Amino acid sequence: MFKRLEFNVLMTRISEPRNKIQVISGPRQVGKSTLVKQVLQETDIPYMLVSADNVDHTHIAWISEMWATARARMIAAKKREYLLVIDEVHKIDNWSEAVKKEWDDDTFNDLNLKVVILGSSRLLLKDGLTESLAGRYEMIKMPHWSYAEMHEAFNFDINQYIYFGGYPGGASFVGDERRWRSYIKDSIVAPAIERDVLQTKTIYKPALMKQLFELGCAYSSEELSLNKMLGQLQDAGNVTTLAGYLNTLNESRLLCGLMKYAFDSARKYNSVPKLMVYNTALFSVQSGMNFNKAFTTPRLWGRWVESAVGSFLLNQATKYDYKLSYWRERDDEVDFIIEHNKQCIAIEVKSGRRTSNNGLSVFREKFHPAYSLIVGSGGIPIDEFLAMDIGSLFGNTE
């Protein structure tokens, strides 16, 4: 079975002396539970794997009960170390308080019980971690699947990846686009919006949130002001509400509104957002266009190519904590700007979508980026770029 890079990270960390809780975080359907099961199959550390999936959310004592069981099994077996893995931990009310108490008790008593927690809702995990567990955990971030991973695991070619994206669960359905669309909508989009977003955040206008998600995905790689978005949405709202909802979708690693690159913070935060999906599958299912139609229409296919590059950079930014933006000044524009350690990289995507653009040369003269890259026609081939490690360009491969 294919192993993602995070496999080695988790395997290494649970082999180290007990120090921090290991938290596996990422959007839905990227293989978090599969990763943990792969690690458990190969580790020599005795373990106990439990899931809160079918536990009543009010049963707060469940975590303490499972923890006590793991301790008892460790002591009875006379083991010097033990591993407790709790899946879907976020489904228990006040889970972080219970985890904090049990972890601190083991630390005080010098009990070598190591802990891994994970869940399907990135938002609920995030909220619990910031509330109670500061300083007690390490995060292992699992992004959406890259082109290199989908190619190796499912033999996707570059054009399949650009359109169908990086959801491994849908890979076997690409020959039947109707079935593939149903899977993306029913197994990924619906739970992500209805369970993760609407049950996590205080969303006063759920219909507006759903419409924003659908509109934003359909406009991936396009600049669209919040006022113009409001004009296309049926449910009444205001710009502040819309900005907050867009931020929540970004936290869920579904949809992002990239800000304009600028030294002036006020200009940056007041700029027109450039909408970008984290996975091109989300763009495709909202486009209303099948693969053959999109691929054989160069002007339209350019949007898919730019969205694929943008989603790749968004997921790399998640991994390395970079800032991603775009730049525009009158008719000059650059598709993507990556910022890290007071350096930047400018990236222009050439896919037949535009006839000419002097933005890259203008940007280079004004801001002196570390690299100015053309991706696509006349530059780095798309498949080569989507297999790159952007961190290496900044000298960061960790």
Protein backbone atom coordinates (compact mmCIF):
# COMPACT_ATOMS: atom_id res chain seq x y z
CA MET A 1 0.00 0.00 0.00
CA PHE A 2 1.23 3.48 -0.88
CA LYS A 3 2.77 5.42 2.00
CA ARG A 4 2.74 9.19 2.17
CA LEU A 5 5.79 11.13 3.36
CA GLU A 6 4.14 11.74 6.72
CA PHE A 7 4.45 8.02 7.45
CA ASN A 8 8.15 8.41 8.19
CA VAL A 9 7.51 11.51 10.28
CA LEU A 10 5.03 9.74 12.57
CA MET A 11 7.12 6.59 12.76
CA THR A 12 10.15 8.62 13.85
CA ARG A 13 8.27 10.65 16.44
CA ILE A 14 6.63 7.73 18.22
CA SER A 15 10.05 6.06 18.38
CA GLU A 16 11.49 9.05 20.25
CA PRO A 17 11.33 9.45 24.05
CA ARG A 18 7.89 10.58 25.24
CA ASN A 19 7.69 14.35 24.95
CA LYS A 20 4.63 15.63 23.07
CA ILE A 21 1.21 14.39 21.96
CA GLN A 22 1.29 13.76 18.21
CA VAL A 23 -1.65 15.33 16.37
CA ILE A 24 -2.47 14.27 12.80
CA SER A 25 -4.25 17.16 11.12
CA GLY A 26 -5.57 17.68 7.61
CA PRO A 27 -8.69 18.03 5.48
CA ARG A 28 -11.12 15.18 4.91
CA GLN A 29 -10.22 12.12 2.85
CA VAL A 30 -6.45 12.64 2.65
CA GLY A 31 -5.56 9.41 4.46
CA LYS A 32 -5.03 10.34 8.11
CA SER A 33 -6.53 7.14 9.54
CA THR A 34 -4.80 5.03 6.89
CA LEU A 35 -1.47 6.60 7.78
CA VAL A 36 -1.88 5.73 11.46
CA LYS A 37 -2.89 2.15 10.68
CA GLN A 38 0.17 1.73 8.44
CA VAL A 39 2.43 2.96 11.24
CA LEU A 40 0.79 0.66 13.79
CA GLN A 41 1.33 -2.33 11.49
CA GLU A 42 5.09 -1.71 11.47
CA THR A 43 5.88 -0.38 14.94
CA ASP A 44 7.23 -2.63 17.69
CA ILE A 45 5.59 -0.50 20.37
CA PRO A 46 2.51 -2.19 21.90
CA TYR A 47 -0.55 -0.08 21.23
CA MET A 48 -4.26 0.43 21.75
CA LEU A 49 -6.35 2.02 18.98
CA VAL A 50 -9.78 3.42 19.86
CA SER A 51 -12.28 5.59 18.01
CA ALA A 52 -14.92 7.99 19.31
CA ASP A 53 -16.89 7.69 16.10
CA ASN A 54 -19.88 5.90 17.69
CA VAL A 55 -19.54 7.34 21.20
CA ASP A 56 -22.16 9.78 22.47
CA HIS A 57 -20.66 13.27 22.32
CA THR A 58 -21.74 13.95 25.92
CA HIS A 59 -19.83 10.93 27.25
CA ILE A 60 -16.89 13.04 28.38
CA ALA A 61 -15.58 10.30 30.69
CA TRP A 62 -14.97 8.03 27.70
CA ILE A 63 -11.51 9.48 27.07
CA SER A 64 -10.46 8.93 30.68
CA GLU A 65 -11.84 5.39 30.56
CA MET A 66 -9.87 4.54 27.42
CA TRP A 67 -6.77 6.14 28.88
CA ALA A 68 -7.10 4.11 32.11
CA THR A 69 -7.50 0.93 30.05
CA ALA A 70 -4.30 1.67 28.13
CA ARG A 71 -2.44 2.26 31.40
CA ALA A 72 -3.73 -1.01 32.84
CA ARG A 73 -2.72 -2.97 29.75
CA MET A 74 0.73 -1.42 29.81
CA ILE A 75 1.29 -2.21 33.47
CA ALA A 76 -0.19 -5.74 33.28
CA ALA A 77 2.04 -6.60 30.33
CA LYS A 78 5.04 -5.05 32.12
CA LYS A 79 5.87 -2.87 29.13
CA ARG A 80 8.28 0.05 29.42
CA GLU A 81 6.35 2.03 26.81
CA TYR A 82 2.89 1.98 25.30
CA LEU A 83 1.04 3.85 22.57
CA LEU A 84 -2.55 5.09 22.78
CA VAL A 85 -4.17 6.23 19.52
CA ILE A 86 -7.51 8.06 19.69
CA ASP A 87 -9.32 8.55 16.38
CA GLU A 88 -12.24 11.00 15.90
CA VAL A 89 -11.34 12.51 19.27
CA HIS A 90 -13.06 15.80 18.37
CA LYS A 91 -16.49 14.15 18.54
CA ILE A 92 -16.38 14.18 22.35
CA ASP A 93 -17.44 17.39 24.09
CA ASN A 94 -14.55 19.18 25.82
CA TRP A 95 -12.17 16.52 24.57
CA SER A 96 -9.11 18.71 24.91
CA GLU A 97 -9.65 19.22 28.66
CA ALA A 98 -9.84 15.46 29.20
CA VAL A 99 -6.72 14.83 27.10
CA LYS A 100 -4.84 17.56 28.97
CA LYS A 101 -5.72 16.08 32.38
CA GLU A 102 -4.69 12.52 31.48
CA TRP A 103 -1.52 13.59 29.70
CA ASP A 104 -0.44 15.75 32.64
CA ASP A 105 -1.15 12.92 35.09
CA ASP A 106 1.11 10.55 33.13
CA THR A 107 3.81 13.22 32.93
CA PHE A 108 3.67 13.75 36.70
CA ASN A 109 3.82 9.99 37.35
CA ASP A 110 6.61 9.37 34.79
CA LEU A 111 4.45 6.92 32.87
CA ASN A 112 5.80 6.29 29.39
CA LEU A 113 2.43 6.30 27.64
CA LYS A 114 2.72 7.95 24.24
CA VAL A 115 -0.34 9.41 22.55
CA VAL A 116 -1.49 10.08 18.98
CA ILE A 117 -4.79 11.85 18.29
CA LEU A 118 -6.55 12.54 15.01
CA GLY A 119 -9.97 13.34 13.62
CA SER A 120 -11.87 14.02 10.43
CA SER A 121 -12.62 17.65 11.33
CA ARG A 122 -9.59 19.89 11.06
CA LEU A 123 -11.54 22.82 12.55
CA LEU A 124 -12.65 20.95 15.68
CA LEU A 125 -9.14 19.66 16.28
CA LYS A 126 -7.71 23.14 15.82
CA ASP A 127 -10.14 24.74 18.26
CA GLY A 128 -9.46 22.13 20.96
CA LEU A 129 -5.71 22.40 20.60
CA THR A 130 -5.66 26.17 20.98
CA GLU A 131 -7.98 26.03 23.99
CA SER A 132 -6.20 23.60 26.32
CA LEU A 133 -3.19 21.80 24.91
CA ALA A 134 -0.75 24.61 24.17
CA GLY A 135 2.83 23.38 24.56
CA ARG A 136 1.78 19.74 24.86
CA TYR A 137 1.54 18.66 21.25
CA GLU A 138 3.27 18.52 17.87
CA MET A 139 1.33 18.78 14.64
CA ILE A 140 1.81 16.52 11.64
CA LYS A 141 0.08 18.36 8.80
CA MET A 142 -1.30 16.22 6.00
CA PRO A 143 -2.08 18.27 2.88
CA HIS A 144 -4.11 17.20 -0.13
CA TRP A 145 -2.42 14.60 -2.33
CA SER A 146 0.14 15.95 -4.79
CA TYR A 147 0.52 15.05 -8.44
CA ALA A 148 3.61 12.95 -7.63
CA GLU A 149 1.61 10.93 -5.09
CA MET A 150 -1.43 10.41 -7.32
CA HIS A 151 0.85 9.43 -10.21
CA GLU A 152 2.76 6.89 -8.15
CA ALA A 153 -0.25 5.46 -6.31
CA PHE A 154 -2.89 5.53 -9.08
CA ASN A 155 -0.93 6.14 -12.30
CA PHE A 156 -2.64 9.51 -12.89
CA ASP A 157 -1.23 11.44 -15.82
CA ILE A 158 -0.80 15.20 -15.47
CA ASN A 159 -4.07 16.09 -17.21
CA GLN A 160 -6.07 13.67 -15.09
CA TYR A 161 -4.58 15.19 -11.98
CA ILE A 162 -5.30 18.74 -13.11
CA TYR A 163 -8.98 17.93 -13.59
CA PHE A 164 -9.76 15.19 -11.06
CA GLY A 165 -7.46 16.52 -8.35
CA GLY A 166 -5.93 14.74 -5.40
CA TYR A 167 -8.60 12.76 -3.56
CA PRO A 168 -7.41 9.12 -3.42
CA GLY A 169 -10.90 7.80 -2.66
CA GLY A 170 -12.15 9.03 -6.01
CA ALA A 171 -9.28 7.71 -8.12
CA SER A 172 -11.06 4.48 -9.07
CA PHE A 173 -14.10 6.43 -10.34
CA VAL A 174 -12.45 8.67 -12.94
CA GLY A 175 -13.66 6.42 -15.75
CA ASP A 176 -17.23 7.19 -14.71
CA GLU A 177 -17.45 10.95 -14.22
CA ARG A 178 -21.02 10.89 -12.91
CA ARG A 179 -20.02 8.47 -10.17
CA TRP A 180 -16.87 10.48 -9.45
CA ARG A 181 -18.86 13.71 -9.06
CA SER A 182 -21.31 12.02 -6.72
CA TYR A 183 -18.43 10.76 -4.57
CA ILE A 184 -16.81 14.19 -4.31
CA LYS A 185 -20.09 15.93 -3.50
CA ASP A 186 -21.52 13.32 -1.10
CA SER A 187 -18.42 11.98 0.65
CA ILE A 188 -16.23 15.06 0.76
CA VAL A 189 -18.03 18.34 0.14
CA ALA A 190 -21.24 17.64 2.09
CA PRO A 191 -19.50 16.37 5.28
CA ALA A 192 -16.87 19.11 5.10
CA ILE A 193 -19.49 21.87 4.94
CA GLU A 194 -22.37 20.41 6.96
CA ARG A 195 -20.39 18.71 9.72
CA ASP A 196 -17.03 20.42 9.94
CA VAL A 197 -17.89 24.02 9.12
CA LEU A 198 -21.52 24.48 10.14
CA GLN A 199 -21.20 22.48 13.38
CA THR A 200 -17.88 24.04 14.39
CA LYS A 201 -18.27 27.73 13.74
CA THR A 202 -21.14 30.04 14.55
CA ILE A 203 -22.61 30.38 11.08
CA TYR A 204 -25.68 32.60 11.16
CA LYS A 205 -26.44 32.12 7.48
CA PRO A 206 -25.73 28.48 6.52
CA ALA A 207 -27.29 28.93 3.07
CA LEU A 208 -24.94 31.86 2.41
CA MET A 209 -21.94 29.79 3.47
CA LYS A 210 -22.89 26.96 1.08
CA GLN A 211 -23.49 29.40 -1.77
CA LEU A 212 -20.17 31.11 -1.11
CA PHE A 213 -18.35 27.78 -1.25
CA GLU A 214 -19.99 26.79 -4.53
CA LEU A 215 -19.43 30.22 -6.10
CA GLY A 216 -15.83 30.41 -4.88
CA CYS A 217 -14.97 26.97 -6.28
CA ALA A 218 -16.57 27.84 -9.62
CA TYR A 219 -14.46 31.03 -9.80
CA SER A 220 -11.17 29.35 -8.85
CA SER A 221 -8.13 31.28 -10.22
CA GLU A 222 -10.27 34.40 -10.74
CA GLU A 223 -10.21 37.69 -8.87
CA LEU A 224 -13.66 38.49 -7.49
CA SER A 225 -14.45 41.27 -5.02
CA LEU A 226 -16.59 40.55 -1.99
CA ASN A 227 -19.16 43.08 -3.21
CA LYS A 228 -19.44 41.30 -6.55
CA MET A 229 -19.81 37.98 -4.71
CA LEU A 230 -22.69 39.42 -2.70
CA GLY A 231 -24.35 40.48 -5.92
CA GLN A 232 -24.33 36.86 -7.14
CA LEU A 233 -25.49 35.26 -3.90
CA GLN A 234 -29.18 34.89 -3.13
CA ASP A 235 -29.00 35.09 0.65
CA ALA A 236 -28.56 38.60 2.03
CA GLY A 237 -25.38 39.34 3.91
CA ASN A 238 -22.56 41.86 4.18
CA VAL A 239 -18.92 42.04 3.23
CA THR A 240 -17.70 41.41 6.78
CA THR A 241 -19.80 38.24 7.08
CA LEU A 242 -18.58 37.01 3.71
CA ALA A 243 -14.94 37.67 4.60
CA GLY A 244 -15.37 35.68 7.82
CA TYR A 245 -16.95 32.76 5.99
CA LEU A 246 -14.17 32.76 3.39
CA ASN A 247 -11.60 32.62 6.18
CA THR A 248 -13.41 29.63 7.71
CA LEU A 249 -13.33 27.82 4.36
CA ASN A 250 -9.61 28.54 4.20
CA GLU A 251 -9.09 27.09 7.68
CA SER A 252 -10.91 23.98 6.47
CA ARG A 253 -8.41 23.72 3.56
CA LEU A 254 -11.21 23.91 1.00
CA LEU A 255 -11.18 27.38 -0.55
CA CYS A 256 -8.87 30.37 -0.16
CA GLY A 257 -9.08 34.04 -1.07
CA LEU A 258 -5.49 35.03 -1.90
CA MET A 259 -4.59 38.61 -1.03
CA LYS A 260 -2.65 40.97 -3.24
CA TYR A 261 1.09 41.17 -2.61
CA ALA A 262 2.06 44.55 -1.14
CA PHE A 263 4.42 46.03 1.42
CA ASP A 264 1.54 48.08 2.78
CA SER A 265 -0.61 45.89 5.07
CA ALA A 266 -3.68 48.05 4.55
CA ARG A 267 -3.50 47.58 0.78
CA LYS A 268 -2.94 43.87 1.22
CA TYR A 269 -5.96 43.25 3.45
CA ASN A 270 -8.28 45.52 1.45
CA SER A 271 -7.40 43.94 -1.89
CA VAL A 272 -9.73 42.01 -4.16
CA PRO A 273 -9.29 38.31 -3.29
CA LYS A 274 -8.14 35.82 -5.90
CA LEU A 275 -10.17 32.68 -5.27
CA MET A 276 -8.32 29.39 -5.22
CA VAL A 277 -9.37 25.84 -4.34
CA TYR A 278 -7.11 23.59 -2.28
CA ASN A 279 -7.96 20.66 -4.56
CA THR A 280 -8.93 21.02 -8.22
CA ALA A 281 -11.61 18.34 -7.79
CA LEU A 282 -13.62 21.01 -5.97
CA PHE A 283 -13.35 23.32 -8.99
CA SER A 284 -14.26 20.56 -11.43
CA VAL A 285 -17.44 19.46 -9.66
CA GLN A 286 -18.70 23.06 -9.55
CA SER A 287 -17.71 23.89 -13.12
CA GLY A 288 -20.51 21.95 -14.78
CA MET A 289 -18.05 20.82 -17.43
CA ASN A 290 -16.70 17.33 -18.07
CA PHE A 291 -13.05 16.47 -18.52
CA ASN A 292 -13.10 16.19 -22.31
CA LYS A 293 -14.84 19.54 -22.80
CA ALA A 294 -12.49 21.34 -20.39
CA PHE A 295 -9.33 19.75 -21.76
CA THR A 296 -10.11 20.48 -25.41
CA THR A 297 -10.95 24.16 -24.80
CA PRO A 298 -7.57 25.91 -24.32
CA ARG A 299 -8.98 29.11 -22.81
CA LEU A 300 -10.95 27.15 -20.23
CA TRP A 301 -8.23 24.58 -19.60
CA GLY A 302 -5.93 27.44 -18.63
CA ARG A 303 -8.09 28.02 -15.55
CA TRP A 304 -7.67 24.38 -14.54
CA VAL A 305 -3.91 24.57 -15.02
CA GLU A 306 -3.64 27.76 -12.97
CA SER A 307 -5.88 26.26 -10.27
CA ALA A 308 -3.70 23.14 -10.17
CA VAL A 309 -0.58 25.26 -9.69
CA GLY A 310 -2.37 27.38 -7.08
CA SER A 311 -3.65 24.39 -5.11
CA PHE A 312 -0.17 22.85 -5.18
CA LEU A 313 1.33 26.06 -3.80
CA LEU A 314 -1.39 26.36 -1.14
CA ASN A 315 -0.64 22.85 0.10
CA GLN A 316 3.11 23.54 0.05
CA ALA A 317 2.42 26.73 2.02
CA THR A 318 0.55 24.64 4.60
CA LYS A 319 3.54 22.34 4.89
CA TYR A 320 6.20 25.05 5.17
CA ASP A 321 4.19 27.95 6.65
CA TYR A 322 4.77 30.20 3.66
CA LYS A 323 2.55 33.09 2.64
CA LEU A 324 0.94 32.89 -0.77
CA SER A 325 -0.49 35.87 -2.64
CA TYR A 326 -0.82 37.34 -6.14
CA TRP A 327 0.25 40.68 -7.60
CA ARG A 328 -1.45 43.12 -9.93
CA GLU A 329 -0.71 46.71 -10.93
CA ARG A 330 -3.00 48.05 -13.64
CA ASP A 331 -2.59 45.62 -16.58
CA ASP A 332 0.50 43.91 -15.18
CA GLU A 333 0.04 40.83 -13.02
CA VAL A 334 1.84 37.84 -11.57
CA ASP A 335 -0.21 34.76 -10.77
CA PHE A 336 1.48 33.74 -7.50
CA ILE A 337 3.95 35.23 -5.03
CA ILE A 338 5.45 33.06 -2.29
CA GLU A 339 6.90 34.86 0.75
CA HIS A 340 9.25 33.34 3.30
CA ASN A 341 11.94 34.82 5.54
CA LYS A 342 11.75 38.21 3.82
CA GLN A 343 12.33 36.60 0.45
CA CYS A 344 9.84 36.01 -2.33
CA ILE A 345 9.40 33.88 -5.42
CA ALA A 346 7.28 35.09 -8.35
CA ILE A 347 5.47 32.49 -10.45
CA GLU A 348 3.66 33.08 -13.74
CA VAL A 349 1.57 30.29 -15.27
CA LYS A 350 1.60 30.12 -19.08
CA SER A 351 -1.08 27.83 -20.47
CA GLY A 352 -2.56 29.59 -23.48
CA ARG A 353 -4.97 31.53 -21.32
CA ARG A 354 -3.28 34.89 -21.91
CA THR A 355 -1.71 36.22 -25.10
CA SER A 356 0.88 38.46 -23.40
CA ASN A 357 1.76 39.72 -19.97
CA ASN A 358 4.74 41.80 -18.84
CA GLY A 359 3.91 41.37 -15.18
CA LEU A 360 6.82 39.11 -14.31
CA SER A 361 9.47 41.50 -15.65
CA VAL A 362 7.78 44.52 -14.01
CA PHE A 363 7.54 42.70 -10.69
CA ARG A 364 11.17 41.62 -10.92
CA GLU A 365 12.31 45.22 -11.38
CA LYS A 366 10.20 46.52 -8.49
CA PHE A 367 10.65 43.77 -5.88
CA HIS A 368 13.77 41.73 -6.84
CA PRO A 369 12.43 38.23 -6.05
CA ALA A 370 14.83 35.38 -5.31
CA TYR A 371 13.37 33.52 -8.30
CA SER A 372 11.09 34.47 -11.18
CA LEU A 373 9.58 31.31 -12.64
CA ILE A 374 7.48 30.65 -15.69
CA VAL A 375 5.44 27.46 -15.37
CA GLY A 376 3.97 25.92 -18.50
CA SER A 377 4.56 27.03 -22.09
CA GLY A 378 8.14 28.25 -22.51
CA GLY A 379 9.08 27.49 -18.92
CA ILE A 380 9.08 24.65 -16.39
CA PRO A 381 6.74 21.88 -17.61
CA ILE A 382 3.59 21.60 -15.48
CA ASP A 383 4.26 18.01 -14.42
CA GLU A 384 7.83 18.85 -13.41
CA PHE A 385 6.74 21.88 -11.39
CA LEU A 386 3.97 20.00 -9.57
CA ALA A 387 6.55 17.44 -8.47
CA MET A 388 8.95 20.06 -7.05
CA ASP A 389 9.67 20.70 -3.40
CA ILE A 390 9.21 24.46 -3.11
CA GLY A 391 10.99 24.44 0.23
CA SER A 392 14.27 23.62 -1.51
CA LEU A 393 14.14 26.96 -3.33
CA PHE A 394 14.44 28.68 0.05
CA GLY A 395 17.01 26.18 1.28
CA ASN A 396 14.35 24.56 3.50
CA THR A 397 13.84 20.84 3.09
CA GLU A 398 12.66 20.05 6.59
